[in-house]
PDB file of all heavy atoms in Angstrom:
ATOM      1  N   ASN A   1       1.578  -3.235 -14.012  1.00  0.00           N
ATOM      2  CA  ASN A   1       1.087  -3.959 -12.848  1.00  0.00           C
ATOM      3  C   ASN A   1       1.216  -3.009 -11.662  1.00  0.00           C
ATOM      4  O   ASN A   1       2.335  -2.682 -11.243  1.00  0.00           O
ATOM      5  CB  ASN A   1       1.909  -5.232 -12.618  1.00  0.00           C
ATOM      6  CG  ASN A   1       1.408  -6.036 -11.435  1.00  0.00           C
ATOM      7  OD1 ASN A   1       1.031  -5.504 -10.402  1.00  0.00           O
ATOM      8  ND2 ASN A   1       1.410  -7.350 -11.579  1.00  0.00           N
ATOM      9  N   ILE A   2       0.089  -2.564 -11.132  1.00  0.00           N
ATOM     10  CA  ILE A   2       0.121  -1.496 -10.123  1.00  0.00           C
ATOM     11  C   ILE A   2       0.148  -2.036  -8.696  1.00  0.00           C
ATOM     12  O   ILE A   2       0.060  -1.256  -7.742  1.00  0.00           O
ATOM     13  CB  ILE A   2      -1.060  -0.526 -10.301  1.00  0.00           C
ATOM     14  CG1 ILE A   2      -2.398  -1.255 -10.199  1.00  0.00           C
ATOM     15  CG2 ILE A   2      -0.951   0.190 -11.644  1.00  0.00           C
ATOM     16  CD1 ILE A   2      -3.610  -0.316 -10.262  1.00  0.00           C
ATOM     17  N   LEU A   3       0.294  -3.341  -8.527  1.00  0.00           N
ATOM     18  CA  LEU A   3       0.434  -3.989  -7.225  1.00  0.00           C
ATOM     19  C   LEU A   3      -0.745  -3.686  -6.304  1.00  0.00           C
ATOM     20  O   LEU A   3      -0.801  -2.664  -5.629  1.00  0.00           O
ATOM     21  CB  LEU A   3       1.745  -3.564  -6.533  1.00  0.00           C
ATOM     22  CG  LEU A   3       2.038  -4.190  -5.170  1.00  0.00           C
ATOM     23  CD1 LEU A   3       1.955  -5.693  -5.216  1.00  0.00           C
ATOM     24  CD2 LEU A   3       3.423  -3.760  -4.693  1.00  0.00           C
ATOM     25  N   ALA A   4      -1.695  -4.590  -6.267  1.00  0.00           N
ATOM     26  CA  ALA A   4      -2.890  -4.407  -5.442  1.00  0.00           C
ATOM     27  C   ALA A   4      -2.520  -4.270  -3.973  1.00  0.00           C
ATOM     28  O   ALA A   4      -1.679  -5.017  -3.459  1.00  0.00           O
ATOM     29  CB  ALA A   4      -3.842  -5.589  -5.638  1.00  0.00           C
ATOM     30  N   PRO A   5      -3.121  -3.326  -3.275  1.00  0.00           N
ATOM     31  CA  PRO A   5      -2.823  -3.133  -1.850  1.00  0.00           C
ATOM     32  C   PRO A   5      -3.036  -4.382  -1.000  1.00  0.00           C
ATOM     33  O   PRO A   5      -2.402  -4.525   0.052  1.00  0.00           O
ATOM     34  CB  PRO A   5      -3.798  -2.017  -1.452  1.00  0.00           C
ATOM     35  CG  PRO A   5      -3.995  -1.235  -2.709  1.00  0.00           C
ATOM     36  CD  PRO A   5      -4.003  -2.275  -3.804  1.00  0.00           C
ATOM     37  N   ILE A   6      -3.907  -5.281  -1.423  1.00  0.00           N
ATOM     38  CA  ILE A   6      -4.114  -6.514  -0.650  1.00  0.00           C
ATOM     39  C   ILE A   6      -2.898  -7.430  -0.723  1.00  0.00           C
ATOM     40  O   ILE A   6      -2.775  -8.375   0.069  1.00  0.00           O
ATOM     41  CB  ILE A   6      -5.368  -7.273  -1.136  1.00  0.00           C
ATOM     42  CG1 ILE A   6      -5.322  -7.498  -2.645  1.00  0.00           C
ATOM     43  CG2 ILE A   6      -6.635  -6.548  -0.731  1.00  0.00           C
ATOM     44  CD1 ILE A   6      -6.486  -8.312  -3.198  1.00  0.00           C
ATOM     45  N   TYR A   7      -1.980  -7.187  -1.672  1.00  0.00           N
ATOM     46  CA  TYR A   7      -0.771  -7.985  -1.798  1.00  0.00           C
ATOM     47  C   TYR A   7       0.483  -7.249  -1.313  1.00  0.00           C
ATOM     48  O   TYR A   7       1.504  -7.883  -1.032  1.00  0.00           O
ATOM     49  CB  TYR A   7      -0.541  -8.398  -3.254  1.00  0.00           C
ATOM     50  CG  TYR A   7      -1.689  -9.164  -3.854  1.00  0.00           C
ATOM     51  CD1 TYR A   7      -2.173  -8.860  -5.124  1.00  0.00           C
ATOM     52  CD2 TYR A   7      -2.303 -10.204  -3.150  1.00  0.00           C
ATOM     53  CE1 TYR A   7      -3.235  -9.563  -5.677  1.00  0.00           C
ATOM     54  CE2 TYR A   7      -3.369 -10.906  -3.693  1.00  0.00           C
ATOM     55  CZ  TYR A   7      -3.822 -10.581  -4.959  1.00  0.00           C
ATOM     56  OH  TYR A   7      -4.873 -11.278  -5.492  1.00  0.00           O
ATOM     57  N   LYS A   8       0.424  -5.940  -1.238  1.00  0.00           N
ATOM     58  CA  LYS A   8       1.608  -5.164  -0.883  1.00  0.00           C
ATOM     59  C   LYS A   8       1.852  -5.225   0.625  1.00  0.00           C
ATOM     60  O   LYS A   8       1.013  -4.795   1.432  1.00  0.00           O
ATOM     61  CB  LYS A   8       1.455  -3.704  -1.319  1.00  0.00           C
ATOM     62  CG  LYS A   8       2.677  -2.842  -1.016  1.00  0.00           C
ATOM     63  CD  LYS A   8       2.547  -1.455  -1.616  1.00  0.00           C
ATOM     64  CE  LYS A   8       3.679  -0.536  -1.174  1.00  0.00           C
ATOM     65  NZ  LYS A   8       5.002  -1.067  -1.537  1.00  0.00           N
ATOM     66  N   ARG A   9       2.998  -5.756   0.995  1.00  0.00           N
ATOM     67  CA  ARG A   9       3.354  -5.877   2.407  1.00  0.00           C
ATOM     68  C   ARG A   9       4.046  -4.609   2.904  1.00  0.00           C
ATOM     69  O   ARG A   9       4.857  -4.004   2.198  1.00  0.00           O
ATOM     70  CB  ARG A   9       4.275  -7.080   2.631  1.00  0.00           C
ATOM     71  CG  ARG A   9       3.582  -8.423   2.465  1.00  0.00           C
ATOM     72  CD  ARG A   9       4.528  -9.572   2.760  1.00  0.00           C
ATOM     73  NE  ARG A   9       3.845 -10.853   2.807  1.00  0.00           N
ATOM     74  CZ  ARG A   9       3.576 -11.609   1.752  1.00  0.00           C
ATOM     75  NH1 ARG A   9       3.932 -11.189   0.533  1.00  0.00           N
ATOM     76  NH2 ARG A   9       2.954 -12.754   1.883  1.00  0.00           N
ATOM     77  N   LEU A  10       3.723  -4.236   4.132  1.00  0.00           N
ATOM     78  CA  LEU A  10       4.351  -3.098   4.785  1.00  0.00           C
ATOM     79  C   LEU A  10       5.034  -3.583   6.066  1.00  0.00           C
ATOM     80  O   LEU A  10       4.458  -4.368   6.821  1.00  0.00           O
ATOM     81  CB  LEU A  10       3.315  -2.035   5.148  1.00  0.00           C
ATOM     82  CG  LEU A  10       2.490  -1.442   4.004  1.00  0.00           C
ATOM     83  CD1 LEU A  10       1.449  -0.486   4.570  1.00  0.00           C
ATOM     84  CD2 LEU A  10       3.384  -0.721   3.011  1.00  0.00           C
ATOM     85  N   ASN A  11       6.238  -3.121   6.294  1.00  0.00           N
ATOM     86  CA  ASN A  11       6.950  -3.476   7.515  1.00  0.00           C
ATOM     87  C   ASN A  11       6.717  -2.364   8.537  1.00  0.00           C
ATOM     88  O   ASN A  11       7.505  -1.437   8.678  1.00  0.00           O
ATOM     89  CB  ASN A  11       8.442  -3.648   7.230  1.00  0.00           C
ATOM     90  CG  ASN A  11       9.190  -4.208   8.431  1.00  0.00           C
ATOM     91  OD1 ASN A  11       8.587  -4.543   9.449  1.00  0.00           O
ATOM     92  ND2 ASN A  11      10.504  -4.312   8.305  1.00  0.00           N
ATOM     93  N   LEU A  12       5.571  -2.453   9.241  1.00  0.00           N
ATOM     94  CA  LEU A  12       5.194  -1.434  10.211  1.00  0.00           C
ATOM     95  C   LEU A  12       5.254  -2.013  11.616  1.00  0.00           C
ATOM     96  O   LEU A  12       4.712  -3.095  11.883  1.00  0.00           O
ATOM     97  CB  LEU A  12       3.775  -0.937   9.930  1.00  0.00           C
ATOM     98  CG  LEU A  12       3.543  -0.262   8.566  1.00  0.00           C
ATOM     99  CD1 LEU A  12       2.079   0.097   8.412  1.00  0.00           C
ATOM    100  CD2 LEU A  12       4.417   0.972   8.427  1.00  0.00           C
ATOM    101  N   ASN A  13       5.938  -1.287  12.505  1.00  0.00           N
ATOM    102  CA  ASN A  13       6.058  -1.726  13.896  1.00  0.00           C
ATOM    103  C   ASN A  13       6.591  -3.153  13.996  1.00  0.00           C
ATOM    104  O   ASN A  13       6.103  -3.966  14.791  1.00  0.00           O
ATOM    105  CB  ASN A  13       4.701  -1.625  14.604  1.00  0.00           C
ATOM    106  CG  ASN A  13       4.143  -0.215  14.590  1.00  0.00           C
ATOM    107  OD1 ASN A  13       4.895   0.756  14.771  1.00  0.00           O
ATOM    108  ND2 ASN A  13       2.849  -0.082  14.361  1.00  0.00           N
ATOM    109  N   ASN A  14       7.591  -3.428  13.115  1.00  0.00           N
ATOM    110  CA  ASN A  14       8.228  -4.751  13.076  1.00  0.00           C
ATOM    111  C   ASN A  14       7.258  -5.872  12.721  1.00  0.00           C
ATOM    112  O   ASN A  14       7.507  -7.040  13.011  1.00  0.00           O
ATOM    113  CB  ASN A  14       8.895  -5.066  14.421  1.00  0.00           C
ATOM    114  CG  ASN A  14      10.052  -4.128  14.712  1.00  0.00           C
ATOM    115  OD1 ASN A  14      10.813  -3.786  13.810  1.00  0.00           O
ATOM    116  ND2 ASN A  14      10.167  -3.703  15.971  1.00  0.00           N
ATOM    117  N   ASN A  15       6.148  -5.517  12.099  1.00  0.00           N
ATOM    118  CA  ASN A  15       5.178  -6.516  11.651  1.00  0.00           C
ATOM    119  C   ASN A  15       5.257  -6.610  10.133  1.00  0.00           C
ATOM    120  O   ASN A  15       4.705  -5.776   9.420  1.00  0.00           O
ATOM    121  CB  ASN A  15       3.771  -6.132  12.087  1.00  0.00           C
ATOM    122  CG  ASN A  15       2.736  -7.165  11.643  1.00  0.00           C
ATOM    123  OD1 ASN A  15       3.082  -8.234  11.137  1.00  0.00           O
ATOM    124  ND2 ASN A  15       1.464  -6.837  11.833  1.00  0.00           N
ATOM    125  N   GLN A  16       5.941  -7.624   9.641  1.00  0.00           N
ATOM    126  CA  GLN A  16       6.149  -7.766   8.207  1.00  0.00           C
ATOM    127  C   GLN A  16       4.918  -8.304   7.485  1.00  0.00           C
ATOM    128  O   GLN A  16       4.902  -8.393   6.266  1.00  0.00           O
ATOM    129  CB  GLN A  16       7.345  -8.683   7.941  1.00  0.00           C
ATOM    130  CG  GLN A  16       8.670  -8.119   8.431  1.00  0.00           C
ATOM    131  CD  GLN A  16       9.847  -9.006   8.095  1.00  0.00           C
ATOM    132  OE1 GLN A  16       9.674 -10.101   7.564  1.00  0.00           O
ATOM    133  NE2 GLN A  16      11.035  -8.532   8.398  1.00  0.00           N
ATOM    134  N   ASN A  17       3.885  -8.668   8.223  1.00  0.00           N
ATOM    135  CA  ASN A  17       2.665  -9.183   7.605  1.00  0.00           C
ATOM    136  C   ASN A  17       1.607  -8.106   7.399  1.00  0.00           C
ATOM    137  O   ASN A  17       0.500  -8.401   6.961  1.00  0.00           O
ATOM    138  CB  ASN A  17       2.086 -10.312   8.466  1.00  0.00           C
ATOM    139  CG  ASN A  17       2.971 -11.545   8.458  1.00  0.00           C
ATOM    140  OD1 ASN A  17       3.523 -11.905   7.421  1.00  0.00           O
ATOM    141  ND2 ASN A  17       3.116 -12.185   9.609  1.00  0.00           N
ATOM    142  N   SER A  18       1.938  -6.849   7.718  1.00  0.00           N
ATOM    143  CA  SER A  18       0.988  -5.766   7.494  1.00  0.00           C
ATOM    144  C   SER A  18       0.761  -5.593   6.001  1.00  0.00           C
ATOM    145  O   SER A  18       1.703  -5.666   5.205  1.00  0.00           O
ATOM    146  CB  SER A  18       1.525  -4.465   8.097  1.00  0.00           C
ATOM    147  OG  SER A  18       1.669  -4.580   9.492  1.00  0.00           O
ATOM    148  N   ARG A  19      -0.474  -5.349   5.618  1.00  0.00           N
ATOM    149  CA  ARG A  19      -0.810  -5.129   4.224  1.00  0.00           C
ATOM    150  C   ARG A  19      -1.231  -3.674   4.014  1.00  0.00           C
ATOM    151  O   ARG A  19      -1.885  -3.077   4.873  1.00  0.00           O
ATOM    152  CB  ARG A  19      -1.950  -6.060   3.787  1.00  0.00           C
ATOM    153  CG  ARG A  19      -1.618  -7.552   3.888  1.00  0.00           C
ATOM    154  CD  ARG A  19      -0.489  -7.965   2.963  1.00  0.00           C
ATOM    155  NE  ARG A  19      -0.112  -9.349   3.118  1.00  0.00           N
ATOM    156  CZ  ARG A  19      -0.318 -10.288   2.208  1.00  0.00           C
ATOM    157  NH1 ARG A  19      -0.912  -9.977   1.065  1.00  0.00           N
ATOM    158  NH2 ARG A  19       0.066 -11.525   2.420  1.00  0.00           N
ATOM    159  N   GLU A  20      -0.876  -3.162   2.864  1.00  0.00           N
ATOM    160  CA  GLU A  20      -1.199  -1.777   2.556  1.00  0.00           C
ATOM    161  C   GLU A  20      -2.704  -1.537   2.566  1.00  0.00           C
ATOM    162  O   GLU A  20      -3.167  -0.432   2.885  1.00  0.00           O
ATOM    163  CB  GLU A  20      -0.623  -1.393   1.189  1.00  0.00           C
ATOM    164  CG  GLU A  20      -0.756   0.078   0.851  1.00  0.00           C
ATOM    165  CD  GLU A  20      -0.345   0.377  -0.576  1.00  0.00           C
ATOM    166  OE1 GLU A  20      -0.933  -0.241  -1.496  1.00  0.00           O
ATOM    167  OE2 GLU A  20       0.545   1.220  -0.767  1.00  0.00           O
ATOM    168  N   SER A  21      -3.474  -2.555   2.231  1.00  0.00           N
ATOM    169  CA  SER A  21      -4.930  -2.407   2.171  1.00  0.00           C
ATOM    170  C   SER A  21      -5.542  -2.023   3.513  1.00  0.00           C
ATOM    171  O   SER A  21      -6.671  -1.513   3.563  1.00  0.00           O
ATOM    172  CB  SER A  21      -5.569  -3.705   1.665  1.00  0.00           C
ATOM    173  OG  SER A  21      -5.140  -4.822   2.438  1.00  0.00           O
ATOM    174  N   ASP A  22      -4.823  -2.251   4.609  1.00  0.00           N
ATOM    175  CA  ASP A  22      -5.322  -1.905   5.944  1.00  0.00           C
ATOM    176  C   ASP A  22      -5.056  -0.456   6.318  1.00  0.00           C
ATOM    177  O   ASP A  22      -5.511  -0.005   7.378  1.00  0.00           O
ATOM    178  CB  ASP A  22      -4.684  -2.826   6.995  1.00  0.00           C
ATOM    179  CG  ASP A  22      -5.075  -4.287   6.808  1.00  0.00           C
ATOM    180  OD1 ASP A  22      -6.230  -4.532   6.391  1.00  0.00           O
ATOM    181  OD2 ASP A  22      -4.235  -5.168   7.060  1.00  0.00           O
ATOM    182  N   TYR A  23      -4.328   0.273   5.493  1.00  0.00           N
ATOM    183  CA  TYR A  23      -3.935   1.641   5.817  1.00  0.00           C
ATOM    184  C   TYR A  23      -4.280   2.552   4.639  1.00  0.00           C
ATOM    185  O   TYR A  23      -3.525   2.661   3.672  1.00  0.00           O
ATOM    186  CB  TYR A  23      -2.437   1.708   6.128  1.00  0.00           C
ATOM    187  CG  TYR A  23      -2.027   0.822   7.279  1.00  0.00           C
ATOM    188  CD1 TYR A  23      -1.652  -0.507   7.060  1.00  0.00           C
ATOM    189  CD2 TYR A  23      -2.051   1.283   8.592  1.00  0.00           C
ATOM    190  CE1 TYR A  23      -1.292  -1.336   8.098  1.00  0.00           C
ATOM    191  CE2 TYR A  23      -1.692   0.465   9.655  1.00  0.00           C
ATOM    192  CZ  TYR A  23      -1.320  -0.840   9.393  1.00  0.00           C
ATOM    193  OH  TYR A  23      -0.960  -1.663  10.459  1.00  0.00           O
ATOM    194  N   ARG A  24      -5.438   3.203   4.740  1.00  0.00           N
ATOM    195  CA  ARG A  24      -5.936   4.009   3.631  1.00  0.00           C
ATOM    196  C   ARG A  24      -4.947   5.059   3.171  1.00  0.00           C
ATOM    197  O   ARG A  24      -4.783   5.291   1.962  1.00  0.00           O
ATOM    198  CB  ARG A  24      -7.245   4.691   4.022  1.00  0.00           C
ATOM    199  CG  ARG A  24      -7.845   5.550   2.898  1.00  0.00           C
ATOM    200  CD  ARG A  24      -9.106   6.276   3.350  1.00  0.00           C
ATOM    201  NE  ARG A  24      -9.662   7.064   2.264  1.00  0.00           N
ATOM    202  CZ  ARG A  24      -9.250   8.287   1.944  1.00  0.00           C
ATOM    203  NH1 ARG A  24      -8.252   8.852   2.631  1.00  0.00           N
ATOM    204  NH2 ARG A  24      -9.816   8.943   0.944  1.00  0.00           N
ATOM    205  N   VAL A  25      -4.277   5.702   4.071  1.00  0.00           N
ATOM    206  CA  VAL A  25      -3.375   6.788   3.688  1.00  0.00           C
ATOM    207  C   VAL A  25      -2.272   6.298   2.752  1.00  0.00           C
ATOM    208  O   VAL A  25      -1.846   7.014   1.846  1.00  0.00           O
ATOM    209  CB  VAL A  25      -2.764   7.464   4.945  1.00  0.00           C
ATOM    210  CG1 VAL A  25      -1.872   6.486   5.732  1.00  0.00           C
ATOM    211  CG2 VAL A  25      -1.981   8.715   4.554  1.00  0.00           C
ATOM    212  N   TYR A  26      -1.842   5.041   2.927  1.00  0.00           N
ATOM    213  CA  TYR A  26      -0.767   4.495   2.085  1.00  0.00           C
ATOM    214  C   TYR A  26      -1.287   4.149   0.683  1.00  0.00           C
ATOM    215  O   TYR A  26      -0.725   4.577  -0.323  1.00  0.00           O
ATOM    216  CB  TYR A  26      -0.163   3.251   2.738  1.00  0.00           C
ATOM    217  CG  TYR A  26       0.715   3.559   3.938  1.00  0.00           C
ATOM    218  CD1 TYR A  26       0.243   3.378   5.232  1.00  0.00           C
ATOM    219  CD2 TYR A  26       2.021   4.032   3.770  1.00  0.00           C
ATOM    220  CE1 TYR A  26       1.034   3.660   6.331  1.00  0.00           C
ATOM    221  CE2 TYR A  26       2.819   4.308   4.867  1.00  0.00           C
ATOM    222  CZ  TYR A  26       2.317   4.129   6.148  1.00  0.00           C
ATOM    223  OH  TYR A  26       3.105   4.423   7.226  1.00  0.00           O
ATOM    224  N   TRP A  27      -2.373   3.313   0.640  1.00  0.00           N
ATOM    225  CA  TRP A  27      -2.828   2.906  -0.688  1.00  0.00           C
ATOM    226  C   TRP A  27      -3.451   4.048  -1.462  1.00  0.00           C
ATOM    227  O   TRP A  27      -3.313   4.143  -2.683  1.00  0.00           O
ATOM    228  CB  TRP A  27      -3.762   1.712  -0.624  1.00  0.00           C
ATOM    229  CG  TRP A  27      -5.088   1.874   0.084  1.00  0.00           C
ATOM    230  CD1 TRP A  27      -5.433   1.378   1.296  1.00  0.00           C
ATOM    231  CD2 TRP A  27      -6.271   2.529  -0.418  1.00  0.00           C
ATOM    232  NE1 TRP A  27      -6.736   1.685   1.615  1.00  0.00           N
ATOM    233  CE2 TRP A  27      -7.276   2.383   0.573  1.00  0.00           C
ATOM    234  CE3 TRP A  27      -6.574   3.209  -1.585  1.00  0.00           C
ATOM    235  CZ2 TRP A  27      -8.567   2.913   0.430  1.00  0.00           C
ATOM    236  CZ3 TRP A  27      -7.852   3.738  -1.740  1.00  0.00           C
ATOM    237  CH2 TRP A  27      -8.827   3.597  -0.754  1.00  0.00           C
ATOM    238  N   PHE A  28      -4.117   4.986  -0.761  1.00  0.00           N
ATOM    239  CA  PHE A  28      -4.733   6.116  -1.447  1.00  0.00           C
ATOM    240  C   PHE A  28      -3.664   7.016  -2.065  1.00  0.00           C
ATOM    241  O   PHE A  28      -3.753   7.382  -3.247  1.00  0.00           O
ATOM    242  CB  PHE A  28      -5.595   6.913  -0.454  1.00  0.00           C
ATOM    243  CG  PHE A  28      -6.337   8.048  -1.090  1.00  0.00           C
ATOM    244  CD1 PHE A  28      -7.594   7.854  -1.641  1.00  0.00           C
ATOM    245  CD2 PHE A  28      -5.790   9.327  -1.128  1.00  0.00           C
ATOM    246  CE1 PHE A  28      -8.289   8.903  -2.225  1.00  0.00           C
ATOM    247  CE2 PHE A  28      -6.470  10.379  -1.716  1.00  0.00           C
ATOM    248  CZ  PHE A  28      -7.723  10.166  -2.263  1.00  0.00           C
ATOM    249  N   THR A  29      -2.637   7.322  -1.292  1.00  0.00           N
ATOM    250  CA  THR A  29      -1.566   8.202  -1.789  1.00  0.00           C
ATOM    251  C   THR A  29      -0.807   7.558  -2.938  1.00  0.00           C
ATOM    252  O   THR A  29      -0.519   8.196  -3.951  1.00  0.00           O
ATOM    253  CB  THR A  29      -0.589   8.531  -0.647  1.00  0.00           C
ATOM    254  OG1 THR A  29      -1.311   9.159   0.419  1.00  0.00           O
ATOM    255  CG2 THR A  29       0.513   9.464  -1.132  1.00  0.00           C
ATOM    256  N   ARG A  30      -0.494   6.274  -2.804  1.00  0.00           N
ATOM    257  CA  ARG A  30       0.276   5.597  -3.862  1.00  0.00           C
ATOM    258  C   ARG A  30      -0.527   5.529  -5.161  1.00  0.00           C
ATOM    259  O   ARG A  30       0.013   5.777  -6.246  1.00  0.00           O
ATOM    260  CB  ARG A  30       0.666   4.182  -3.416  1.00  0.00           C
ATOM    261  CG  ARG A  30       1.526   3.440  -4.430  1.00  0.00           C
ATOM    262  CD  ARG A  30       2.111   2.164  -3.854  1.00  0.00           C
ATOM    263  NE  ARG A  30       1.102   1.161  -3.592  1.00  0.00           N
ATOM    264  CZ  ARG A  30       0.690   0.246  -4.473  1.00  0.00           C
ATOM    265  NH1 ARG A  30       1.209   0.231  -5.697  1.00  0.00           N
ATOM    266  NH2 ARG A  30      -0.219  -0.643  -4.143  1.00  0.00           N
ATOM    267  N   ASN A  31      -1.803   5.236  -5.081  1.00  0.00           N
ATOM    268  CA  ASN A  31      -2.604   5.134  -6.298  1.00  0.00           C
ATOM    269  C   ASN A  31      -2.895   6.500  -6.914  1.00  0.00           C
ATOM    270  O   ASN A  31      -3.046   6.601  -8.138  1.00  0.00           O
ATOM    271  CB  ASN A  31      -3.900   4.371  -6.014  1.00  0.00           C
ATOM    272  CG  ASN A  31      -3.691   2.872  -6.014  1.00  0.00           C
ATOM    273  OD1 ASN A  31      -3.722   2.229  -7.053  1.00  0.00           O
ATOM    274  ND2 ASN A  31      -3.433   2.311  -4.832  1.00  0.00           N
ATOM    275  N   GLN A  32      -2.940   7.550  -6.112  1.00  0.00           N
ATOM    276  CA  GLN A  32      -3.035   8.887  -6.689  1.00  0.00           C
ATOM    277  C   GLN A  32      -1.779   9.206  -7.499  1.00  0.00           C
ATOM    278  O   GLN A  32      -1.870   9.799  -8.591  1.00  0.00           O
ATOM    279  CB  GLN A  32      -3.230   9.943  -5.583  1.00  0.00           C
ATOM    280  CG  GLN A  32      -4.603   9.958  -4.946  1.00  0.00           C
ATOM    281  CD  GLN A  32      -5.669  10.593  -5.841  1.00  0.00           C
ATOM    282  OE1 GLN A  32      -5.450  10.799  -7.035  1.00  0.00           O
ATOM    283  NE2 GLN A  32      -6.831  10.881  -5.281  1.00  0.00           N
ATOM    284  N   ARG A  33      -0.618   8.778  -6.995  1.00  0.00           N
ATOM    285  CA  ARG A  33       0.629   9.005  -7.737  1.00  0.00           C
ATOM    286  C   ARG A  33       0.648   8.184  -9.028  1.00  0.00           C
ATOM    287  O   ARG A  33       1.152   8.647 -10.055  1.00  0.00           O
ATOM    288  CB  ARG A  33       1.837   8.654  -6.870  1.00  0.00           C
ATOM    289  CG  ARG A  33       2.058   9.603  -5.698  1.00  0.00           C
ATOM    290  CD  ARG A  33       3.496   9.532  -5.198  1.00  0.00           C
ATOM    291  NE  ARG A  33       3.896   8.185  -4.857  1.00  0.00           N
ATOM    292  CZ  ARG A  33       3.781   7.643  -3.644  1.00  0.00           C
ATOM    293  NH1 ARG A  33       3.261   8.362  -2.651  1.00  0.00           N
ATOM    294  NH2 ARG A  33       4.181   6.416  -3.406  1.00  0.00           N
ATOM    295  N   ILE A  34       0.135   6.971  -8.956  1.00  0.00           N
ATOM    296  CA  ILE A  34       0.058   6.139 -10.165  1.00  0.00           C
ATOM    297  C   ILE A  34      -0.814   6.833 -11.214  1.00  0.00           C
ATOM    298  O   ILE A  34      -0.439   6.918 -12.394  1.00  0.00           O
ATOM    299  CB  ILE A  34      -0.499   4.741  -9.831  1.00  0.00           C
ATOM    300  CG1 ILE A  34       0.518   3.935  -9.023  1.00  0.00           C
ATOM    301  CG2 ILE A  34      -0.874   3.980 -11.112  1.00  0.00           C
ATOM    302  CD1 ILE A  34      -0.019   2.627  -8.470  1.00  0.00           C
ATOM    303  N   LEU A  35      -1.955   7.339 -10.802  1.00  0.00           N
ATOM    304  CA  LEU A  35      -2.840   8.038 -11.727  1.00  0.00           C
ATOM    305  C   LEU A  35      -2.191   9.305 -12.280  1.00  0.00           C
ATOM    306  O   LEU A  35      -2.329   9.624 -13.471  1.00  0.00           O
ATOM    307  CB  LEU A  35      -4.161   8.372 -11.038  1.00  0.00           C
ATOM    308  CG  LEU A  35      -5.165   7.214 -10.977  1.00  0.00           C
ATOM    309  CD1 LEU A  35      -6.243   7.478  -9.933  1.00  0.00           C
ATOM    310  CD2 LEU A  35      -5.795   6.980 -12.334  1.00  0.00           C
ATOM    311  N   ASP A  36      -1.465  10.023 -11.429  1.00  0.00           N
ATOM    312  CA  ASP A  36      -0.744  11.216 -11.901  1.00  0.00           C
ATOM    313  C   ASP A  36       0.211  10.838 -13.025  1.00  0.00           C
ATOM    314  O   ASP A  36       0.305  11.526 -14.049  1.00  0.00           O
ATOM    315  CB  ASP A  36       0.056  11.855 -10.754  1.00  0.00           C
ATOM    316  CG  ASP A  36      -0.833  12.506  -9.707  1.00  0.00           C
ATOM    317  OD1 ASP A  36      -2.014  12.783 -10.015  1.00  0.00           O
ATOM    318  OD2 ASP A  36      -0.342  12.737  -8.580  1.00  0.00           O
ATOM    319  N   SER A  37       0.929   9.731 -12.840  1.00  0.00           N
ATOM    320  CA  SER A  37       1.895   9.282 -13.841  1.00  0.00           C
ATOM    321  C   SER A  37       1.195   8.864 -15.131  1.00  0.00           C
ATOM    322  O   SER A  37       1.627   9.211 -16.237  1.00  0.00           O
ATOM    323  CB  SER A  37       2.721   8.120 -13.287  1.00  0.00           C
ATOM    324  OG  SER A  37       3.637   7.645 -14.233  1.00  0.00           O
TER     325      SER A  37
END
């Protein structure tokens, strides 16, 4: 289960409702690492 970015919460700027899907650099980098693995 690779955790879809639309569900992954990020605590950015004290905003706990931020989703990874809104920040390409986060979801792109994480999924590249998943593919590497």
